[in-house]
Amino acid sequence: MPKQLNNTDSETAPAVRKFIESFIKNFPEIPIQTMDERFTSSIAQQAMIDGGMKKKNRQVKGNVDKISATLILQDYLQIKGY
């Protein structure tokens, strides 16, 4: 769930909530859990630097998004005890 630093919803949060409502309506048997995604882009950027990724590749938004998604999934699995 996209949040601002003060823990209020960001401007994209309503779209995420709308998606969740639609998903639940279409797939009620699949549980949904939101995760705080603050700072994941910054952490992803640092991971790319630490991993030696070239600046050109770090500037590709899709690369940041992939690593951010991985970080969010890792957090979720850790919370669930996996």
N, C-alpha and C. Protein backbone atom coordinates (compact mmCIF):
# COMPACT_ATOMS: atom_id res chain seq x y z
N MET A 1 0.85 -1.17 0.00
CA MET A 1 0.00 0.00 0.00
C MET A 1 0.90 1.24 0.00
N PRO A 2 0.72 2.09 -0.97
CA PRO A 2 1.55 3.29 -1.02
C PRO A 2 1.15 4.30 0.06
N LYS A 3 2.10 4.63 0.90
CA LYS A 3 1.88 5.57 1.99
C LYS A 3 2.89 6.70 1.93
N GLN A 4 2.53 7.81 2.55
CA GLN A 4 3.47 8.92 2.71
C GLN A 4 4.27 8.71 3.99
N LEU A 5 5.27 9.53 4.19
CA LEU A 5 6.11 9.38 5.38
C LEU A 5 5.32 9.46 6.67
N ASN A 6 4.24 10.26 6.69
CA ASN A 6 3.45 10.41 7.91
C ASN A 6 2.38 9.32 8.04
N ASN A 7 2.49 8.27 7.23
CA ASN A 7 1.63 7.09 7.27
C ASN A 7 0.23 7.33 6.71
N THR A 8 0.01 8.44 6.05
CA THR A 8 -1.27 8.66 5.38
C THR A 8 -1.15 8.10 3.95
N ASP A 9 -2.30 7.86 3.34
CA ASP A 9 -2.30 7.33 1.98
C ASP A 9 -1.63 8.30 1.00
N SER A 10 -0.91 7.75 0.04
CA SER A 10 -0.33 8.59 -1.01
C SER A 10 -1.41 8.84 -2.06
N GLU A 11 -1.06 9.62 -3.07
CA GLU A 11 -2.05 9.95 -4.09
C GLU A 11 -2.44 8.74 -4.95
N THR A 12 -1.61 7.70 -4.97
CA THR A 12 -1.95 6.50 -5.74
C THR A 12 -2.71 5.45 -4.93
N ALA A 13 -2.84 5.64 -3.64
CA ALA A 13 -3.53 4.67 -2.79
C ALA A 13 -4.98 4.41 -3.21
N PRO A 14 -5.76 5.42 -3.59
CA PRO A 14 -7.14 5.12 -4.02
C PRO A 14 -7.21 4.15 -5.20
N ALA A 15 -6.28 4.27 -6.14
CA ALA A 15 -6.26 3.34 -7.27
C ALA A 15 -5.92 1.92 -6.81
N VAL A 16 -5.02 1.82 -5.84
CA VAL A 16 -4.68 0.50 -5.29
C VAL A 16 -5.88 -0.09 -4.57
N ARG A 17 -6.56 0.72 -3.78
CA ARG A 17 -7.76 0.23 -3.07
C ARG A 17 -8.84 -0.23 -4.06
N LYS A 18 -9.01 0.51 -5.14
CA LYS A 18 -9.98 0.14 -6.16
C LYS A 18 -9.61 -1.20 -6.79
N PHE A 19 -8.34 -1.39 -7.09
CA PHE A 19 -7.87 -2.66 -7.64
C PHE A 19 -8.15 -3.80 -6.66
N ILE A 20 -7.85 -3.58 -5.38
CA ILE A 20 -8.07 -4.62 -4.37
C ILE A 20 -9.55 -4.99 -4.30
N GLU A 21 -10.43 -4.00 -4.31
CA GLU A 21 -11.87 -4.27 -4.29
C GLU A 21 -12.29 -5.12 -5.49
N SER A 22 -11.80 -4.77 -6.66
CA SER A 22 -12.11 -5.52 -7.87
C SER A 22 -11.57 -6.94 -7.79
N PHE A 23 -10.36 -7.07 -7.30
CA PHE A 23 -9.74 -8.39 -7.18
C PHE A 23 -10.54 -9.28 -6.24
N ILE A 24 -10.93 -8.73 -5.09
CA ILE A 24 -11.71 -9.50 -4.12
C ILE A 24 -13.05 -9.92 -4.71
N LYS A 25 -13.65 -9.02 -5.47
CA LYS A 25 -14.93 -9.33 -6.09
C LYS A 25 -14.80 -10.50 -7.08
N ASN A 26 -13.69 -10.52 -7.83
CA ASN A 26 -13.49 -11.55 -8.84
C ASN A 26 -12.85 -12.82 -8.31
N PHE A 27 -12.10 -12.70 -7.23
CA PHE A 27 -11.40 -13.85 -6.67
C PHE A 27 -11.56 -13.87 -5.14
N PRO A 28 -12.78 -14.05 -4.66
CA PRO A 28 -13.01 -13.96 -3.21
C PRO A 28 -12.28 -15.02 -2.38
N GLU A 29 -11.87 -16.10 -3.02
CA GLU A 29 -11.19 -17.18 -2.28
C GLU A 29 -9.71 -16.89 -2.05
N ILE A 30 -9.18 -15.87 -2.70
CA ILE A 30 -7.75 -15.54 -2.56
C ILE A 30 -7.60 -14.40 -1.56
N PRO A 31 -6.89 -14.66 -0.46
CA PRO A 31 -6.72 -13.59 0.54
C PRO A 31 -5.78 -12.49 0.03
N ILE A 32 -6.05 -11.28 0.46
CA ILE A 32 -5.24 -10.11 0.10
C ILE A 32 -4.65 -9.53 1.37
N GLN A 33 -3.37 -9.20 1.31
CA GLN A 33 -2.73 -8.49 2.42
C GLN A 33 -1.90 -7.37 1.82
N THR A 34 -2.09 -6.17 2.30
CA THR A 34 -1.29 -5.05 1.82
C THR A 34 0.00 -4.97 2.62
N MET A 35 1.01 -4.42 1.98
CA MET A 35 2.31 -4.25 2.62
C MET A 35 2.75 -2.80 2.45
N ASP A 36 3.42 -2.30 3.44
CA ASP A 36 3.97 -0.95 3.39
C ASP A 36 5.13 -0.95 2.39
N GLU A 37 5.05 -0.11 1.37
CA GLU A 37 6.07 -0.11 0.33
C GLU A 37 6.97 1.12 0.39
N ARG A 38 6.86 1.87 1.48
CA ARG A 38 7.72 3.05 1.61
C ARG A 38 9.19 2.64 1.61
N PHE A 39 10.00 3.43 0.98
CA PHE A 39 11.46 3.29 0.93
C PHE A 39 11.96 2.15 0.06
N THR A 40 11.06 1.34 -0.52
CA THR A 40 11.56 0.20 -1.30
C THR A 40 12.34 0.66 -2.54
N SER A 41 11.93 1.76 -3.16
CA SER A 41 12.68 2.24 -4.33
C SER A 41 14.08 2.68 -3.94
N SER A 42 14.19 3.36 -2.80
CA SER A 42 15.51 3.80 -2.33
C SER A 42 16.39 2.60 -1.99
N ILE A 43 15.81 1.62 -1.32
CA ILE A 43 16.56 0.42 -0.96
C ILE A 43 16.97 -0.34 -2.22
N ALA A 44 16.07 -0.39 -3.21
CA ALA A 44 16.37 -1.07 -4.47
C ALA A 44 17.51 -0.37 -5.19
N GLN A 45 17.48 0.96 -5.21
CA GLN A 45 18.56 1.72 -5.85
C GLN A 45 19.90 1.39 -5.19
N GLN A 46 19.91 1.36 -3.86
CA GLN A 46 21.15 1.07 -3.15
C GLN A 46 21.61 -0.35 -3.42
N ALA A 47 20.67 -1.30 -3.51
CA ALA A 47 21.03 -2.69 -3.80
C ALA A 47 21.67 -2.81 -5.18
N MET A 48 21.16 -2.04 -6.13
CA MET A 48 21.74 -2.07 -7.48
C MET A 48 23.15 -1.49 -7.48
N ILE A 49 23.36 -0.44 -6.71
CA ILE A 49 24.70 0.15 -6.60
C ILE A 49 25.63 -0.84 -5.94
N ASP A 50 25.19 -1.41 -4.81
CA ASP A 50 26.01 -2.37 -4.08
C ASP A 50 26.32 -3.60 -4.93
N GLY A 51 25.38 -3.96 -5.79
CA GLY A 51 25.57 -5.13 -6.65
C GLY A 51 26.40 -4.84 -7.89
N GLY A 52 26.80 -3.59 -8.07
CA GLY A 52 27.67 -3.24 -9.18
C GLY A 52 26.94 -2.99 -10.50
N MET A 53 25.63 -2.77 -10.45
CA MET A 53 24.88 -2.50 -11.68
C MET A 53 25.31 -1.15 -12.25
N LYS A 54 25.48 -1.13 -13.55
CA LYS A 54 25.89 0.11 -14.22
C LYS A 54 24.80 1.16 -14.10
N LYS A 55 25.24 2.43 -14.09
CA LYS A 55 24.32 3.55 -13.92
C LYS A 55 23.21 3.53 -14.97
N LYS A 56 23.55 3.21 -16.19
CA LYS A 56 22.56 3.15 -17.28
C LYS A 56 21.43 2.18 -16.93
N ASN A 57 21.77 1.02 -16.39
CA ASN A 57 20.77 0.02 -16.02
C ASN A 57 20.00 0.42 -14.76
N ARG A 58 20.65 1.15 -13.86
CA ARG A 58 19.97 1.61 -12.65
C ARG A 58 18.91 2.65 -12.96
N GLN A 59 19.05 3.35 -14.08
CA GLN A 59 18.11 4.40 -14.44
C GLN A 59 16.86 3.84 -15.12
N VAL A 60 16.83 2.56 -15.42
CA VAL A 60 15.66 1.93 -16.03
C VAL A 60 14.64 1.67 -14.92
N LYS A 61 13.49 2.37 -14.98
CA LYS A 61 12.50 2.26 -13.91
C LYS A 61 12.05 0.83 -13.69
N GLY A 62 11.93 0.06 -14.76
CA GLY A 62 11.51 -1.33 -14.62
C GLY A 62 12.44 -2.14 -13.73
N ASN A 63 13.73 -1.83 -13.78
CA ASN A 63 14.69 -2.53 -12.92
C ASN A 63 14.45 -2.20 -11.45
N VAL A 64 14.20 -0.94 -11.17
CA VAL A 64 13.91 -0.52 -9.79
C VAL A 64 12.62 -1.20 -9.31
N ASP A 65 11.62 -1.23 -10.17
CA ASP A 65 10.33 -1.84 -9.80
C ASP A 65 10.48 -3.32 -9.50
N LYS A 66 11.26 -4.04 -10.30
CA LYS A 66 11.46 -5.48 -10.08
C LYS A 66 12.13 -5.74 -8.73
N ILE A 67 13.16 -4.97 -8.44
CA ILE A 67 13.86 -5.17 -7.17
C ILE A 67 12.97 -4.74 -6.01
N SER A 68 12.23 -3.66 -6.17
CA SER A 68 11.31 -3.21 -5.12
C SER A 68 10.26 -4.29 -4.83
N ALA A 69 9.71 -4.89 -5.88
CA ALA A 69 8.72 -5.95 -5.71
C ALA A 69 9.33 -7.14 -4.97
N THR A 70 10.57 -7.45 -5.28
CA THR A 70 11.26 -8.54 -4.59
C THR A 70 11.42 -8.22 -3.11
N LEU A 71 11.77 -6.98 -2.80
CA LEU A 71 11.93 -6.57 -1.40
C LEU A 71 10.60 -6.67 -0.64
N ILE A 72 9.52 -6.24 -1.29
CA ILE A 72 8.20 -6.32 -0.65
C ILE A 72 7.82 -7.77 -0.39
N LEU A 73 8.08 -8.64 -1.37
CA LEU A 73 7.79 -10.06 -1.20
C LEU A 73 8.63 -10.66 -0.08
N GLN A 74 9.90 -10.31 -0.01
CA GLN A 74 10.76 -10.80 1.07
C GLN A 74 10.23 -10.38 2.43
N ASP A 75 9.80 -9.12 2.55
CA ASP A 75 9.22 -8.64 3.81
C ASP A 75 7.98 -9.45 4.18
N TYR A 76 7.12 -9.68 3.20
CA TYR A 76 5.88 -10.45 3.44
C TYR A 76 6.21 -11.86 3.91
N LEU A 77 7.13 -12.52 3.22
CA LEU A 77 7.50 -13.90 3.60
C LEU A 77 8.13 -13.93 4.98
N GLN A 78 8.92 -12.92 5.31
CA GLN A 78 9.54 -12.88 6.63
C GLN A 78 8.47 -12.72 7.72
N ILE A 79 7.49 -11.85 7.47
CA ILE A 79 6.40 -11.67 8.43
C ILE A 79 5.64 -12.96 8.63
N LYS A 80 5.44 -13.70 7.55
CA LYS A 80 4.70 -14.97 7.60
C LYS A 80 5.54 -16.12 8.17
N GLY A 81 6.82 -15.88 8.38
CA GLY A 81 7.68 -16.89 8.99
C GLY A 81 8.29 -17.88 8.01
N TYR A 82 8.38 -17.49 6.75
CA TYR A 82 8.99 -18.40 5.76
C TYR A 82 10.45 -18.12 5.61
